[in-house]
N, C-alpha and C. Protein backbone atom coordinates (compact mmCIF):
# COMPACT_ATOMS: atom_id res chain seq x y z
N UNK A 1 -8.97 6.75 -16.51
CA UNK A 1 -9.79 6.81 -15.31
C UNK A 1 -8.96 7.44 -14.19
N UNK A 2 -9.63 8.19 -13.31
CA UNK A 2 -8.95 8.87 -12.20
C UNK A 2 -9.65 8.51 -10.89
N UNK A 3 -8.88 8.62 -9.79
CA UNK A 3 -9.52 8.44 -8.49
C UNK A 3 -10.15 9.77 -8.06
N UNK A 4 -10.74 9.80 -6.88
CA UNK A 4 -11.46 11.00 -6.43
C UNK A 4 -10.57 12.21 -6.22
N UNK A 5 -9.23 12.02 -6.21
CA UNK A 5 -8.30 13.11 -6.04
C UNK A 5 -7.70 13.56 -7.36
N UNK A 6 -8.22 13.01 -8.46
CA UNK A 6 -7.75 13.38 -9.78
C UNK A 6 -6.48 12.67 -10.20
N UNK A 7 -6.08 11.63 -9.46
CA UNK A 7 -4.88 10.88 -9.80
C UNK A 7 -5.23 9.86 -10.88
N UNK A 8 -4.44 9.87 -11.94
CA UNK A 8 -4.68 8.96 -13.06
C UNK A 8 -4.36 7.53 -12.66
N UNK A 9 -5.28 6.60 -12.96
CA UNK A 9 -5.08 5.19 -12.68
C UNK A 9 -4.61 4.50 -13.95
N UNK A 10 -3.75 3.49 -13.81
CA UNK A 10 -3.33 2.76 -15.00
C UNK A 10 -4.44 1.82 -15.47
N UNK A 11 -4.21 1.08 -16.51
CA UNK A 11 -5.26 0.24 -17.09
C UNK A 11 -5.72 -0.87 -16.16
N UNK A 12 -4.93 -1.18 -15.12
CA UNK A 12 -5.31 -2.18 -14.13
C UNK A 12 -5.94 -1.57 -12.88
N UNK A 13 -6.16 -0.26 -12.89
CA UNK A 13 -6.79 0.41 -11.77
C UNK A 13 -5.85 0.85 -10.67
N UNK A 14 -4.54 0.87 -10.94
CA UNK A 14 -3.55 1.27 -9.94
C UNK A 14 -3.19 2.75 -10.07
N UNK A 15 -3.26 3.46 -8.96
CA UNK A 15 -2.67 4.80 -8.89
C UNK A 15 -1.18 4.62 -8.66
N UNK A 16 -0.36 5.60 -9.01
CA UNK A 16 1.07 5.48 -8.68
C UNK A 16 1.24 5.27 -7.18
N UNK A 17 2.20 4.46 -6.81
CA UNK A 17 2.42 4.18 -5.39
C UNK A 17 2.83 5.45 -4.65
N UNK A 18 2.24 5.65 -3.49
CA UNK A 18 2.64 6.77 -2.63
C UNK A 18 3.58 6.26 -1.53
N UNK A 19 3.98 4.99 -1.62
CA UNK A 19 4.72 4.38 -0.53
C UNK A 19 6.17 4.04 -0.82
N UNK A 20 6.52 3.76 -2.04
CA UNK A 20 7.85 3.23 -2.26
C UNK A 20 8.55 3.85 -3.44
N UNK A 21 9.81 3.50 -3.56
CA UNK A 21 10.63 3.95 -4.67
C UNK A 21 10.63 2.83 -5.70
N UNK A 22 10.24 3.15 -6.91
CA UNK A 22 10.27 2.14 -7.97
C UNK A 22 11.71 1.79 -8.30
N UNK A 23 11.92 0.55 -8.69
CA UNK A 23 13.26 0.11 -9.06
C UNK A 23 13.95 -0.69 -7.97
N UNK A 24 13.37 -0.70 -6.76
CA UNK A 24 13.95 -1.44 -5.65
C UNK A 24 12.85 -2.12 -4.84
N UNK A 25 13.19 -3.27 -4.26
CA UNK A 25 12.27 -3.91 -3.32
C UNK A 25 12.10 -2.99 -2.12
N UNK A 26 10.87 -2.76 -1.73
CA UNK A 26 10.57 -1.86 -0.62
C UNK A 26 11.22 -2.33 0.69
N UNK A 27 11.41 -3.62 0.85
CA UNK A 27 11.91 -4.15 2.12
C UNK A 27 13.42 -4.43 2.12
N UNK A 28 13.95 -5.02 1.06
CA UNK A 28 15.37 -5.40 1.09
C UNK A 28 16.23 -4.61 0.10
N UNK A 29 15.61 -3.77 -0.72
CA UNK A 29 16.28 -2.89 -1.68
C UNK A 29 16.96 -3.62 -2.85
N UNK A 30 16.63 -4.90 -3.06
CA UNK A 30 17.13 -5.59 -4.25
C UNK A 30 16.47 -4.98 -5.49
N UNK A 31 17.13 -5.16 -6.62
CA UNK A 31 16.50 -4.77 -7.88
C UNK A 31 15.74 -5.97 -8.41
N UNK A 32 14.70 -5.75 -9.22
CA UNK A 32 13.75 -6.73 -9.72
C UNK A 32 14.25 -8.15 -9.86
N UNK A 33 13.39 -9.06 -10.22
CA UNK A 33 11.99 -8.84 -10.58
C UNK A 33 11.14 -8.56 -9.33
N UNK A 34 10.01 -7.91 -9.57
CA UNK A 34 9.14 -7.51 -8.47
C UNK A 34 7.75 -8.12 -8.59
N UNK A 35 7.09 -8.12 -7.46
CA UNK A 35 5.66 -8.42 -7.38
C UNK A 35 5.02 -7.24 -6.68
N UNK A 36 3.83 -6.87 -7.10
CA UNK A 36 3.11 -5.80 -6.40
C UNK A 36 2.45 -6.39 -5.17
N UNK A 37 2.54 -5.65 -4.09
CA UNK A 37 1.85 -6.05 -2.86
C UNK A 37 0.94 -4.91 -2.46
N UNK A 38 -0.36 -5.18 -2.44
CA UNK A 38 -1.32 -4.19 -1.96
C UNK A 38 -1.26 -4.21 -0.44
N UNK A 39 -0.96 -3.07 0.17
CA UNK A 39 -0.74 -3.01 1.61
C UNK A 39 -2.00 -3.42 2.37
N UNK A 40 -3.13 -2.95 1.90
CA UNK A 40 -4.40 -3.36 2.51
C UNK A 40 -5.04 -4.33 1.52
N UNK A 41 -4.90 -5.60 1.80
CA UNK A 41 -5.36 -6.62 0.86
C UNK A 41 -6.73 -7.12 1.27
N UNK A 42 -7.13 -8.24 0.75
CA UNK A 42 -8.46 -8.77 1.05
C UNK A 42 -9.53 -7.84 0.53
N UNK A 43 -10.50 -7.53 1.38
CA UNK A 43 -11.63 -6.67 0.99
C UNK A 43 -11.19 -5.25 0.63
N UNK A 44 -10.01 -4.83 1.06
CA UNK A 44 -9.53 -3.47 0.80
C UNK A 44 -8.53 -3.40 -0.35
N UNK A 45 -8.36 -4.48 -1.07
CA UNK A 45 -7.37 -4.52 -2.16
C UNK A 45 -7.63 -3.44 -3.20
N UNK A 46 -8.88 -3.28 -3.63
CA UNK A 46 -9.20 -2.28 -4.65
C UNK A 46 -8.93 -0.87 -4.15
N UNK A 47 -9.16 -0.63 -2.88
CA UNK A 47 -8.85 0.70 -2.31
C UNK A 47 -7.35 0.94 -2.29
N UNK A 48 -6.58 -0.08 -1.97
CA UNK A 48 -5.12 0.05 -2.01
C UNK A 48 -4.67 0.45 -3.41
N UNK A 49 -5.22 -0.18 -4.41
CA UNK A 49 -4.88 0.14 -5.80
C UNK A 49 -5.25 1.58 -6.12
N UNK A 50 -6.47 1.95 -5.77
CA UNK A 50 -7.01 3.27 -6.12
C UNK A 50 -6.25 4.42 -5.46
N UNK A 51 -5.75 4.20 -4.24
CA UNK A 51 -5.07 5.26 -3.50
C UNK A 51 -3.55 5.14 -3.53
N UNK A 52 -3.00 4.20 -4.30
CA UNK A 52 -1.55 4.07 -4.40
C UNK A 52 -0.90 3.45 -3.18
N UNK A 53 -1.65 2.65 -2.46
CA UNK A 53 -1.13 2.02 -1.24
C UNK A 53 -0.65 0.61 -1.56
N UNK A 54 0.37 0.57 -2.40
CA UNK A 54 0.99 -0.68 -2.82
C UNK A 54 2.49 -0.46 -2.93
N UNK A 55 3.22 -1.57 -2.86
CA UNK A 55 4.67 -1.50 -2.94
C UNK A 55 5.18 -2.58 -3.89
N UNK A 56 6.37 -2.36 -4.42
CA UNK A 56 7.08 -3.39 -5.16
C UNK A 56 7.94 -4.16 -4.18
N UNK A 57 7.85 -5.48 -4.23
CA UNK A 57 8.69 -6.32 -3.39
C UNK A 57 9.22 -7.49 -4.21
N UNK A 58 10.39 -7.99 -3.82
CA UNK A 58 10.93 -9.18 -4.48
C UNK A 58 10.10 -10.38 -4.02
N UNK A 59 10.15 -11.48 -4.74
CA UNK A 59 9.35 -12.66 -4.36
C UNK A 59 9.64 -13.15 -2.94
N UNK A 60 10.89 -13.10 -2.50
CA UNK A 60 11.22 -13.56 -1.15
C UNK A 60 10.56 -12.69 -0.09
N UNK A 61 10.61 -11.39 -0.27
CA UNK A 61 9.98 -10.48 0.70
C UNK A 61 8.46 -10.59 0.65
N UNK A 62 7.91 -10.81 -0.54
CA UNK A 62 6.46 -10.97 -0.65
C UNK A 62 6.01 -12.19 0.15
N UNK A 63 6.77 -13.25 0.05
CA UNK A 63 6.47 -14.46 0.83
C UNK A 63 6.55 -14.15 2.32
N UNK A 64 7.57 -13.38 2.71
CA UNK A 64 7.76 -13.02 4.12
C UNK A 64 6.55 -12.22 4.65
N UNK A 65 6.04 -11.31 3.84
CA UNK A 65 4.89 -10.50 4.26
C UNK A 65 3.69 -11.39 4.56
N UNK A 66 3.45 -12.35 3.70
CA UNK A 66 2.24 -13.17 3.83
C UNK A 66 2.37 -14.37 4.75
N UNK A 67 3.60 -14.88 4.93
CA UNK A 67 3.72 -16.16 5.62
C UNK A 67 4.65 -16.16 6.83
N UNK A 68 4.95 -15.01 7.40
CA UNK A 68 5.71 -14.98 8.65
C UNK A 68 4.77 -14.58 9.77
N UNK A 69 5.30 -14.08 10.84
CA UNK A 69 4.50 -13.83 12.05
C UNK A 69 3.54 -12.64 11.97
N UNK A 70 3.50 -11.93 10.88
CA UNK A 70 2.56 -10.82 10.72
C UNK A 70 3.12 -9.46 11.09
N UNK A 71 4.31 -9.40 11.67
CA UNK A 71 4.88 -8.11 12.08
C UNK A 71 5.16 -7.21 10.89
N UNK A 72 5.69 -7.78 9.81
CA UNK A 72 6.00 -6.98 8.62
C UNK A 72 4.71 -6.44 8.02
N UNK A 73 3.70 -7.28 7.92
CA UNK A 73 2.41 -6.85 7.38
C UNK A 73 1.82 -5.72 8.24
N UNK A 74 1.90 -5.86 9.54
CA UNK A 74 1.37 -4.84 10.45
C UNK A 74 2.12 -3.51 10.29
N UNK A 75 3.44 -3.57 10.17
CA UNK A 75 4.23 -2.36 9.98
C UNK A 75 3.90 -1.68 8.65
N UNK A 76 3.69 -2.49 7.62
CA UNK A 76 3.31 -1.91 6.32
C UNK A 76 1.96 -1.21 6.41
N UNK A 77 1.03 -1.78 7.14
CA UNK A 77 -0.29 -1.16 7.30
C UNK A 77 -0.19 0.15 8.09
N UNK A 78 0.61 0.17 9.14
CA UNK A 78 0.82 1.42 9.89
C UNK A 78 1.42 2.48 8.98
N UNK A 79 2.45 2.10 8.23
CA UNK A 79 3.09 3.04 7.32
C UNK A 79 2.11 3.50 6.24
N UNK A 80 1.31 2.57 5.72
CA UNK A 80 0.33 2.92 4.70
C UNK A 80 -0.70 3.91 5.20
N UNK A 81 -1.17 3.72 6.42
CA UNK A 81 -2.14 4.66 6.98
C UNK A 81 -1.51 6.04 7.15
N UNK A 82 -0.30 6.08 7.65
CA UNK A 82 0.38 7.38 7.83
C UNK A 82 0.57 8.09 6.49
N UNK A 83 1.02 7.34 5.48
CA UNK A 83 1.22 7.93 4.15
C UNK A 83 -0.08 8.45 3.56
N UNK A 84 -1.13 7.64 3.65
CA UNK A 84 -2.42 8.05 3.09
C UNK A 84 -2.93 9.31 3.78
N UNK A 85 -2.82 9.36 5.10
CA UNK A 85 -3.29 10.54 5.83
C UNK A 85 -2.48 11.77 5.48
N UNK A 86 -1.17 11.61 5.27
CA UNK A 86 -0.32 12.73 4.92
C UNK A 86 -0.60 13.19 3.49
N UNK A 87 -0.61 12.28 2.54
CA UNK A 87 -0.77 12.63 1.13
C UNK A 87 -2.16 13.16 0.83
N UNK A 88 -3.18 12.50 1.37
CA UNK A 88 -4.56 12.87 1.06
C UNK A 88 -5.19 13.80 2.09
N UNK A 89 -4.41 14.17 3.10
CA UNK A 89 -4.88 15.11 4.15
C UNK A 89 -6.09 14.53 4.90
N UNK A 90 -6.05 13.22 5.17
CA UNK A 90 -7.12 12.56 5.90
C UNK A 90 -6.85 12.61 7.39
N UNK A 91 -7.90 12.69 8.15
CA UNK A 91 -7.81 12.48 9.60
C UNK A 91 -7.85 10.98 9.85
N UNK A 92 -7.64 10.59 11.10
CA UNK A 92 -7.76 9.18 11.44
C UNK A 92 -9.17 8.69 11.13
N UNK A 93 -10.17 9.52 11.43
CA UNK A 93 -11.57 9.15 11.16
C UNK A 93 -11.81 8.98 9.66
N UNK A 94 -11.20 9.83 8.83
CA UNK A 94 -11.33 9.69 7.37
C UNK A 94 -10.77 8.35 6.91
N UNK A 95 -9.61 7.99 7.46
CA UNK A 95 -9.00 6.71 7.09
C UNK A 95 -9.89 5.54 7.51
N UNK A 96 -10.37 5.58 8.74
CA UNK A 96 -11.22 4.50 9.25
C UNK A 96 -12.49 4.39 8.42
N UNK A 97 -13.05 5.52 8.00
CA UNK A 97 -14.25 5.50 7.17
C UNK A 97 -14.00 4.73 5.87
N UNK A 98 -12.80 4.85 5.31
CA UNK A 98 -12.49 4.19 4.05
C UNK A 98 -12.02 2.75 4.22
N UNK A 99 -11.23 2.49 5.28
CA UNK A 99 -10.61 1.18 5.43
C UNK A 99 -11.14 0.37 6.62
N UNK A 100 -12.02 0.97 7.43
CA UNK A 100 -12.70 0.22 8.48
C UNK A 100 -11.92 -0.05 9.73
N UNK A 101 -10.69 0.43 9.82
CA UNK A 101 -9.86 0.11 10.98
C UNK A 101 -8.73 1.12 11.10
N UNK A 102 -8.29 1.35 12.32
CA UNK A 102 -7.13 2.17 12.60
C UNK A 102 -5.94 1.26 12.83
N UNK A 103 -4.82 1.51 12.13
CA UNK A 103 -3.63 0.69 12.27
C UNK A 103 -2.53 1.41 13.04
N UNK A 104 -2.73 2.69 13.34
CA UNK A 104 -1.73 3.48 14.05
C UNK A 104 -2.19 3.67 15.49
N UNK A 105 -1.38 3.23 16.41
CA UNK A 105 -1.74 3.37 17.83
C UNK A 105 -1.17 4.65 18.40
């Protein structure tokens, strides 16, 4: 199966990540084990998978993303929007149409 840009999805519906380097935690650069974190989670989780907007993180950093003050999560969303717009040649309006919100001020 492929996404609308012809990118092959794996058997779980994930496009290759456009955000991080495999083999290292995106936040602290430790080597595995990893957990996948969809940058836009909740109602947008499937879109994150389809467009490669996910990162590998160690369990400690994954906990930090979800259970700290929200700054890390917000920065990941800003970075994710910038990456998606650059890779897929989307305007801000294109991104908002797909994800419902602008994360870049």
